[in-house]
N, C-alpha and C. Protein backbone atom coordinates (compact mmCIF):
# COMPACT_ATOMS: atom_id res chain seq x y z
N MET A 1 6.52 161.52 87.12
CA MET A 1 5.14 161.20 87.41
C MET A 1 4.30 162.48 87.32
N MET A 2 3.09 162.33 86.76
CA MET A 2 2.19 163.48 86.61
C MET A 2 1.68 163.95 87.96
N PRO A 3 1.54 165.25 88.12
CA PRO A 3 1.00 165.75 89.39
C PRO A 3 -0.44 165.29 89.58
N CYS A 4 -0.76 165.07 90.82
CA CYS A 4 -2.10 164.65 91.21
C CYS A 4 -2.83 165.84 91.83
N PHE A 5 -4.11 165.93 91.59
CA PHE A 5 -4.93 167.03 92.11
C PHE A 5 -4.72 167.24 93.60
N TYR A 6 -4.55 166.16 94.34
CA TYR A 6 -4.46 166.29 95.79
C TYR A 6 -3.04 166.04 96.34
N ASP A 7 -2.03 166.28 95.51
CA ASP A 7 -0.64 166.12 95.95
C ASP A 7 -0.34 166.90 97.23
N ASN A 8 -0.94 168.08 97.37
CA ASN A 8 -0.70 168.91 98.56
C ASN A 8 -1.74 168.70 99.65
N GLY A 9 -2.55 167.66 99.48
CA GLY A 9 -3.58 167.35 100.47
C GLY A 9 -4.87 168.11 100.21
N LEU A 10 -5.89 167.74 100.95
CA LEU A 10 -7.20 168.39 100.86
C LEU A 10 -7.75 168.56 102.27
N GLN A 11 -8.48 169.63 102.47
CA GLN A 11 -9.09 169.89 103.77
C GLN A 11 -10.53 169.41 103.80
N PHE A 12 -10.88 168.75 104.90
CA PHE A 12 -12.25 168.32 105.11
C PHE A 12 -12.47 168.01 106.59
N SER A 13 -13.58 168.48 107.11
CA SER A 13 -14.06 168.08 108.43
C SER A 13 -15.58 168.00 108.35
N CYS A 14 -16.10 166.84 108.64
CA CYS A 14 -17.55 166.66 108.57
C CYS A 14 -18.21 167.57 109.60
N THR A 15 -19.18 168.33 109.13
CA THR A 15 -19.93 169.22 110.03
C THR A 15 -21.21 168.56 110.54
N ARG A 16 -21.44 167.31 110.08
CA ARG A 16 -22.65 166.55 110.42
C ARG A 16 -23.91 167.31 110.00
N CYS A 17 -23.82 168.01 108.87
CA CYS A 17 -24.97 168.75 108.34
C CYS A 17 -26.01 167.80 107.75
N SER A 18 -25.63 166.59 107.45
CA SER A 18 -26.48 165.54 106.89
C SER A 18 -26.87 165.79 105.44
N GLY A 19 -26.25 166.74 104.79
CA GLY A 19 -26.56 167.03 103.39
C GLY A 19 -26.30 165.84 102.48
N CYS A 20 -25.34 165.02 102.81
CA CYS A 20 -25.04 163.85 101.97
C CYS A 20 -25.93 162.65 102.33
N CYS A 21 -26.76 162.79 103.34
CA CYS A 21 -27.61 161.70 103.84
C CYS A 21 -29.09 161.92 103.60
N ARG A 22 -29.45 163.11 103.15
CA ARG A 22 -30.87 163.47 103.13
C ARG A 22 -31.29 164.17 101.84
N PHE A 23 -32.57 164.09 101.58
CA PHE A 23 -33.29 164.90 100.59
C PHE A 23 -33.01 164.63 99.12
N SER A 24 -32.10 163.76 98.78
CA SER A 24 -31.91 163.44 97.36
C SER A 24 -31.61 161.96 97.22
N SER A 25 -32.15 161.40 96.16
CA SER A 25 -31.98 159.98 95.92
C SER A 25 -30.53 159.66 95.57
N GLY A 26 -30.11 158.50 95.97
CA GLY A 26 -28.76 158.06 95.67
C GLY A 26 -28.58 156.63 96.15
N TYR A 27 -27.37 156.17 96.05
CA TYR A 27 -27.07 154.81 96.46
C TYR A 27 -25.96 154.81 97.50
N VAL A 28 -26.10 153.95 98.48
CA VAL A 28 -25.02 153.65 99.41
C VAL A 28 -24.72 152.17 99.19
N PHE A 29 -23.75 151.91 98.32
CA PHE A 29 -23.41 150.54 97.98
C PHE A 29 -22.62 149.91 99.11
N LEU A 30 -22.87 148.62 99.32
CA LEU A 30 -22.35 147.93 100.49
C LEU A 30 -21.39 146.80 100.15
N SER A 31 -20.45 146.58 101.05
CA SER A 31 -19.58 145.42 101.00
C SER A 31 -20.10 144.40 102.03
N LYS A 32 -19.56 143.22 101.97
CA LYS A 32 -19.91 142.20 102.97
C LYS A 32 -19.57 142.71 104.37
N ASN A 33 -18.43 143.36 104.53
CA ASN A 33 -18.03 143.88 105.84
C ASN A 33 -18.97 144.98 106.33
N ASP A 34 -19.48 145.80 105.41
CA ASP A 34 -20.46 146.83 105.79
C ASP A 34 -21.69 146.18 106.41
N ILE A 35 -22.16 145.11 105.78
CA ILE A 35 -23.34 144.41 106.26
C ILE A 35 -23.08 143.74 107.60
N LEU A 36 -21.93 143.11 107.73
CA LEU A 36 -21.57 142.47 109.00
C LEU A 36 -21.51 143.49 110.13
N ARG A 37 -20.86 144.62 109.87
CA ARG A 37 -20.68 145.65 110.89
C ARG A 37 -22.03 146.27 111.29
N ALA A 38 -22.85 146.61 110.32
CA ALA A 38 -24.14 147.26 110.61
C ALA A 38 -25.11 146.29 111.28
N SER A 39 -25.17 145.06 110.82
CA SER A 39 -26.10 144.10 111.43
C SER A 39 -25.67 143.78 112.86
N ALA A 40 -24.38 143.67 113.11
CA ALA A 40 -23.90 143.44 114.48
C ALA A 40 -24.25 144.64 115.37
N HIS A 41 -24.07 145.83 114.83
CA HIS A 41 -24.39 147.06 115.58
C HIS A 41 -25.87 147.10 115.96
N LEU A 42 -26.71 146.65 115.04
CA LEU A 42 -28.16 146.64 115.29
C LEU A 42 -28.63 145.41 116.06
N GLY A 43 -27.75 144.44 116.22
CA GLY A 43 -28.10 143.22 116.95
C GLY A 43 -29.07 142.32 116.19
N ILE A 44 -28.92 142.30 114.85
CA ILE A 44 -29.79 141.45 114.03
C ILE A 44 -28.93 140.58 113.11
N ARG A 45 -29.54 139.55 112.55
CA ARG A 45 -28.84 138.68 111.61
C ARG A 45 -28.63 139.41 110.29
N GLU A 46 -27.61 139.01 109.55
CA GLU A 46 -27.32 139.63 108.25
C GLU A 46 -28.51 139.54 107.32
N GLU A 47 -29.17 138.39 107.28
CA GLU A 47 -30.32 138.20 106.40
C GLU A 47 -31.43 139.20 106.74
N GLU A 48 -31.66 139.41 108.03
CA GLU A 48 -32.68 140.36 108.47
C GLU A 48 -32.29 141.79 108.04
N PHE A 49 -31.02 142.12 108.18
CA PHE A 49 -30.53 143.43 107.75
C PHE A 49 -30.79 143.64 106.26
N LEU A 50 -30.47 142.63 105.45
CA LEU A 50 -30.66 142.73 104.01
C LEU A 50 -32.13 142.94 103.65
N VAL A 51 -33.02 142.22 104.31
CA VAL A 51 -34.45 142.33 104.02
C VAL A 51 -35.00 143.68 104.47
N GLN A 52 -34.61 144.13 105.66
CA GLN A 52 -35.19 145.36 106.22
C GLN A 52 -34.60 146.64 105.66
N TYR A 53 -33.33 146.62 105.32
CA TYR A 53 -32.63 147.89 105.04
C TYR A 53 -31.97 147.99 103.67
N CYS A 54 -32.07 146.95 102.84
CA CYS A 54 -31.32 146.94 101.59
C CYS A 54 -32.20 146.68 100.38
N ARG A 55 -31.64 147.05 99.22
CA ARG A 55 -32.27 146.80 97.93
C ARG A 55 -31.19 146.42 96.94
N GLN A 56 -31.59 145.74 95.89
CA GLN A 56 -30.67 145.43 94.80
C GLN A 56 -30.81 146.51 93.74
N VAL A 57 -29.68 146.93 93.20
CA VAL A 57 -29.66 147.96 92.16
C VAL A 57 -29.02 147.36 90.92
N ASP A 58 -29.80 147.27 89.85
CA ASP A 58 -29.30 146.74 88.59
C ASP A 58 -28.64 147.89 87.82
N LEU A 59 -27.35 147.81 87.67
CA LEU A 59 -26.59 148.84 86.96
C LEU A 59 -26.36 148.49 85.50
N GLY A 60 -27.01 147.42 85.05
CA GLY A 60 -26.84 146.97 83.67
C GLY A 60 -25.71 145.97 83.55
N HIS A 61 -24.52 146.39 83.92
CA HIS A 61 -23.34 145.53 83.87
C HIS A 61 -23.12 144.78 85.17
N ASP A 62 -23.87 145.15 86.20
CA ASP A 62 -23.65 144.60 87.53
C ASP A 62 -24.89 144.83 88.38
N ILE A 63 -25.04 144.04 89.40
CA ILE A 63 -26.11 144.26 90.37
C ILE A 63 -25.43 144.47 91.72
N ARG A 64 -25.74 145.57 92.37
CA ARG A 64 -25.14 145.93 93.65
C ARG A 64 -26.20 145.92 94.74
N VAL A 65 -25.74 145.87 95.98
CA VAL A 65 -26.61 145.97 97.15
C VAL A 65 -26.43 147.37 97.72
N SER A 66 -27.55 148.07 97.94
CA SER A 66 -27.53 149.43 98.46
C SER A 66 -28.50 149.54 99.63
N LEU A 67 -28.24 150.50 100.49
CA LEU A 67 -29.22 150.82 101.53
C LEU A 67 -30.47 151.38 100.86
N THR A 68 -31.61 151.18 101.49
CA THR A 68 -32.84 151.77 101.00
C THR A 68 -32.94 153.21 101.48
N GLU A 69 -33.96 153.89 100.99
CA GLU A 69 -34.21 155.27 101.38
C GLU A 69 -35.63 155.39 101.91
N LYS A 70 -35.85 156.42 102.67
CA LYS A 70 -37.21 156.75 103.11
C LYS A 70 -37.93 157.44 101.95
N GLU A 71 -39.23 157.64 102.08
CA GLU A 71 -40.00 158.27 101.00
C GLU A 71 -39.48 159.65 100.62
N ASN A 72 -38.92 160.40 101.57
CA ASN A 72 -38.40 161.74 101.29
C ASN A 72 -36.94 161.70 100.81
N PHE A 73 -36.43 160.51 100.53
CA PHE A 73 -35.08 160.27 100.04
C PHE A 73 -33.99 160.36 101.10
N ASP A 74 -34.36 160.48 102.37
CA ASP A 74 -33.36 160.38 103.44
C ASP A 74 -32.84 158.95 103.48
N CYS A 75 -31.61 158.79 103.88
CA CYS A 75 -31.06 157.46 104.11
C CYS A 75 -31.94 156.76 105.16
N ILE A 76 -32.10 155.49 105.02
CA ILE A 76 -32.92 154.70 105.94
C ILE A 76 -32.43 154.85 107.38
N PHE A 77 -31.16 155.17 107.57
CA PHE A 77 -30.60 155.28 108.92
C PHE A 77 -30.50 156.71 109.45
N TRP A 78 -30.95 157.69 108.66
CA TRP A 78 -30.94 159.06 109.18
C TRP A 78 -32.08 159.20 110.17
N SER A 79 -31.77 159.74 111.34
CA SER A 79 -32.75 159.82 112.41
C SER A 79 -32.90 161.25 112.92
N GLU A 80 -34.13 161.71 112.93
CA GLU A 80 -34.44 163.04 113.48
C GLU A 80 -34.08 163.09 114.96
N GLU A 81 -34.42 162.02 115.67
CA GLU A 81 -34.15 161.96 117.13
C GLU A 81 -32.67 162.05 117.44
N GLN A 82 -31.85 161.44 116.59
CA GLN A 82 -30.40 161.46 116.82
C GLN A 82 -29.71 162.57 116.04
N ASP A 83 -30.50 163.34 115.31
CA ASP A 83 -29.96 164.43 114.49
C ASP A 83 -28.81 163.95 113.62
N GLY A 84 -29.00 162.78 113.02
CA GLY A 84 -27.98 162.23 112.15
C GLY A 84 -28.10 160.73 112.00
N CYS A 85 -27.02 160.11 111.69
CA CYS A 85 -26.97 158.68 111.41
C CYS A 85 -27.17 157.86 112.67
N SER A 86 -28.15 156.96 112.62
CA SER A 86 -28.44 156.12 113.78
C SER A 86 -27.46 154.96 113.91
N ILE A 87 -26.65 154.73 112.87
CA ILE A 87 -25.62 153.68 112.96
C ILE A 87 -24.23 154.29 112.70
N TYR A 88 -24.05 155.53 113.08
CA TYR A 88 -22.82 156.27 112.75
C TYR A 88 -21.55 155.48 113.07
N ALA A 89 -21.50 154.81 114.21
CA ALA A 89 -20.31 154.05 114.60
C ALA A 89 -20.06 152.86 113.67
N ALA A 90 -21.10 152.40 112.99
CA ALA A 90 -21.00 151.23 112.10
C ALA A 90 -21.39 151.58 110.67
N ARG A 91 -21.32 152.85 110.30
CA ARG A 91 -21.77 153.28 108.98
C ARG A 91 -20.90 152.65 107.88
N PRO A 92 -21.48 152.49 106.70
CA PRO A 92 -20.75 151.87 105.59
C PRO A 92 -19.49 152.64 105.21
N LEU A 93 -18.57 151.91 104.60
CA LEU A 93 -17.30 152.52 104.16
C LEU A 93 -17.55 153.66 103.19
N GLN A 94 -18.57 153.54 102.34
CA GLN A 94 -18.87 154.63 101.41
C GLN A 94 -19.12 155.92 102.18
N CYS A 95 -19.84 155.83 103.29
CA CYS A 95 -20.13 157.01 104.11
C CYS A 95 -18.87 157.48 104.84
N GLN A 96 -18.11 156.53 105.36
CA GLN A 96 -16.88 156.88 106.08
C GLN A 96 -15.87 157.58 105.19
N SER A 97 -15.83 157.21 103.91
CA SER A 97 -14.79 157.72 103.01
C SER A 97 -15.18 159.00 102.28
N TYR A 98 -16.42 159.44 102.43
CA TYR A 98 -16.84 160.69 101.79
C TYR A 98 -16.06 161.86 102.38
N PRO A 99 -15.61 162.80 101.59
CA PRO A 99 -15.78 163.04 100.16
C PRO A 99 -14.62 162.52 99.31
N PHE A 100 -13.86 161.59 99.84
CA PHE A 100 -12.67 161.12 99.13
C PHE A 100 -13.00 159.96 98.22
N TRP A 101 -14.05 160.15 97.41
CA TRP A 101 -14.46 159.16 96.43
C TRP A 101 -13.71 159.42 95.13
N PRO A 102 -13.34 158.39 94.41
CA PRO A 102 -12.56 158.58 93.17
C PRO A 102 -13.17 159.61 92.21
N GLN A 103 -14.49 159.60 92.07
CA GLN A 103 -15.12 160.53 91.12
C GLN A 103 -15.08 161.98 91.59
N LEU A 104 -14.73 162.22 92.84
CA LEU A 104 -14.63 163.59 93.36
C LEU A 104 -13.20 164.09 93.45
N LEU A 105 -12.23 163.22 93.15
CA LEU A 105 -10.83 163.58 93.34
C LEU A 105 -10.20 164.19 92.08
N ASN A 106 -10.90 165.17 91.56
CA ASN A 106 -10.33 166.03 90.52
C ASN A 106 -10.83 167.43 90.85
N GLU A 107 -10.12 168.43 90.37
CA GLU A 107 -10.40 169.80 90.81
C GLU A 107 -11.83 170.26 90.50
N LYS A 108 -12.31 169.96 89.32
CA LYS A 108 -13.64 170.40 88.93
C LYS A 108 -14.72 169.75 89.83
N ALA A 109 -14.64 168.45 90.00
CA ALA A 109 -15.64 167.74 90.81
C ALA A 109 -15.55 168.15 92.28
N TRP A 110 -14.33 168.33 92.79
CA TRP A 110 -14.12 168.72 94.19
C TRP A 110 -14.75 170.09 94.45
N GLN A 111 -14.53 171.03 93.54
CA GLN A 111 -15.10 172.37 93.71
C GLN A 111 -16.63 172.34 93.62
N ALA A 112 -17.16 171.52 92.71
CA ALA A 112 -18.61 171.39 92.60
C ALA A 112 -19.19 170.80 93.89
N GLU A 113 -18.53 169.80 94.43
CA GLU A 113 -19.02 169.16 95.67
C GLU A 113 -18.90 170.13 96.85
N LYS A 114 -17.88 170.96 96.82
CA LYS A 114 -17.68 171.95 97.88
C LYS A 114 -18.88 172.89 97.99
N SER A 115 -19.54 173.15 96.89
CA SER A 115 -20.71 174.04 96.92
C SER A 115 -21.90 173.39 97.63
N HIS A 116 -21.86 172.09 97.80
CA HIS A 116 -22.93 171.35 98.49
C HIS A 116 -22.56 170.92 99.90
N CYS A 117 -21.25 170.89 100.19
CA CYS A 117 -20.78 170.34 101.46
C CYS A 117 -19.97 171.38 102.23
N PRO A 118 -20.49 171.84 103.36
CA PRO A 118 -19.78 172.87 104.12
C PRO A 118 -18.49 172.39 104.78
N GLY A 119 -18.26 171.07 104.80
CA GLY A 119 -17.04 170.55 105.42
C GLY A 119 -15.85 170.53 104.51
N ILE A 120 -16.09 170.62 103.20
CA ILE A 120 -14.99 170.60 102.23
C ILE A 120 -14.30 171.96 102.22
N GLY A 121 -12.98 171.92 102.38
CA GLY A 121 -12.19 173.14 102.34
C GLY A 121 -11.87 173.71 103.70
N GLY A 122 -12.32 173.03 104.75
CA GLY A 122 -12.03 173.50 106.10
C GLY A 122 -11.65 172.35 107.01
N GLY A 123 -11.06 172.68 108.12
CA GLY A 123 -10.74 171.66 109.12
C GLY A 123 -9.48 170.88 108.81
N LYS A 124 -9.53 169.60 109.09
CA LYS A 124 -8.36 168.73 108.99
C LYS A 124 -7.80 168.68 107.57
N VAL A 125 -6.48 168.69 107.49
CA VAL A 125 -5.80 168.50 106.21
C VAL A 125 -5.49 167.02 106.06
N TYR A 126 -6.04 166.41 105.02
CA TYR A 126 -5.73 165.03 104.68
C TYR A 126 -4.59 165.06 103.67
N THR A 127 -3.50 164.40 103.98
CA THR A 127 -2.36 164.36 103.07
C THR A 127 -2.67 163.43 101.90
N LYS A 128 -1.86 163.50 100.87
CA LYS A 128 -2.01 162.58 99.74
C LYS A 128 -1.96 161.14 100.23
N GLU A 129 -1.08 160.87 101.17
CA GLU A 129 -0.95 159.51 101.71
C GLU A 129 -2.23 159.10 102.43
N ASP A 130 -2.83 160.01 103.20
CA ASP A 130 -4.10 159.72 103.88
C ASP A 130 -5.19 159.37 102.87
N ILE A 131 -5.28 160.18 101.82
CA ILE A 131 -6.32 159.99 100.80
C ILE A 131 -6.08 158.69 100.04
N ASP A 132 -4.84 158.40 99.72
CA ASP A 132 -4.53 157.14 99.04
C ASP A 132 -4.88 155.94 99.90
N LYS A 133 -4.67 156.04 101.21
CA LYS A 133 -5.05 154.94 102.12
C LYS A 133 -6.56 154.75 102.14
N ILE A 134 -7.31 155.85 102.12
CA ILE A 134 -8.77 155.76 102.07
C ILE A 134 -9.19 155.06 100.78
N GLN A 135 -8.55 155.41 99.66
CA GLN A 135 -8.86 154.77 98.38
C GLN A 135 -8.56 153.27 98.43
N GLU A 136 -7.48 152.92 99.06
CA GLU A 136 -7.07 151.51 99.14
C GLU A 136 -8.06 150.68 99.96
N LEU A 137 -8.72 151.30 100.93
CA LEU A 137 -9.70 150.57 101.74
C LEU A 137 -10.77 149.93 100.88
N ARG A 138 -11.23 150.62 99.86
CA ARG A 138 -12.27 150.08 98.98
C ARG A 138 -11.76 148.86 98.22
N HIS A 139 -10.50 148.90 97.82
CA HIS A 139 -9.93 147.75 97.11
C HIS A 139 -9.82 146.54 98.04
N LEU A 140 -9.57 146.80 99.30
CA LEU A 140 -9.46 145.71 100.27
C LEU A 140 -10.82 145.21 100.74
N ASP A 141 -11.87 145.99 100.51
CA ASP A 141 -13.22 145.66 100.96
C ASP A 141 -14.19 145.92 99.81
N PRO A 142 -14.15 145.08 98.78
CA PRO A 142 -14.94 145.35 97.57
C PRO A 142 -16.45 145.30 97.81
N LEU A 143 -17.15 146.03 96.97
CA LEU A 143 -18.61 146.05 97.03
C LEU A 143 -19.16 144.69 96.62
N ILE A 144 -20.32 144.36 97.14
CA ILE A 144 -20.98 143.12 96.76
C ILE A 144 -21.41 143.23 95.31
N SER A 145 -21.08 142.21 94.54
CA SER A 145 -21.50 142.13 93.15
C SER A 145 -22.29 140.84 92.97
N LEU A 146 -23.54 140.98 92.57
CA LEU A 146 -24.37 139.80 92.36
C LEU A 146 -24.27 139.30 90.92
N LYS A 147 -23.53 140.00 90.08
CA LYS A 147 -23.36 139.60 88.69
C LYS A 147 -22.74 138.21 88.61
N ASN A 148 -21.72 137.98 89.40
CA ASN A 148 -21.03 136.69 89.37
C ASN A 148 -21.95 135.55 89.80
N ILE A 149 -22.86 135.81 90.73
CA ILE A 149 -23.80 134.79 91.16
C ILE A 149 -24.69 134.40 89.99
N HIS A 150 -25.20 135.38 89.25
CA HIS A 150 -26.07 135.12 88.11
C HIS A 150 -25.30 134.42 86.99
N GLN A 151 -24.06 134.79 86.78
CA GLN A 151 -23.27 134.15 85.75
C GLN A 151 -23.02 132.69 86.08
N ASP A 152 -22.81 132.38 87.37
CA ASP A 152 -22.56 131.00 87.78
C ASP A 152 -23.77 130.12 87.49
N LYS A 153 -24.97 130.68 87.48
CA LYS A 153 -26.19 129.92 87.28
C LYS A 153 -26.51 129.74 85.79
N THR A 154 -25.78 130.43 84.93
CA THR A 154 -26.02 130.34 83.50
C THR A 154 -25.45 129.03 82.98
N PRO A 155 -26.25 128.25 82.21
CA PRO A 155 -25.74 126.95 81.71
C PRO A 155 -24.61 127.12 80.72
């Protein structure tokens, strides 16, 4: 078997710097479980959560549901008063699994991300098994895809 970039594990400890939550546009794609967890945390119905905090993103091949952003590109849930995520206990899996995203799990991308994230390269050592389990969570909790809904409506 070919060696994997993270065979010997990777170090990461979130410093709660909020660099991944603020100041630049991006997407936080959601699963059904993400919506259930966040809406329950906020004490609102799922439909209300979708209307108040979400947007549809047309990726060409697919349409995904993402959290919205504030005008300054902060995540809708980043709070000055809380100095971080206002739904941290119920944050989406995408946020929970950072920086162990598939597109970052190669040496070049990991080093590039390290220049933006002070938590990469320090703190807890995540073993290959830990990282693989994090990857598996996404497969068990897939992102919402509205493509299939639109296809079903096609005559």
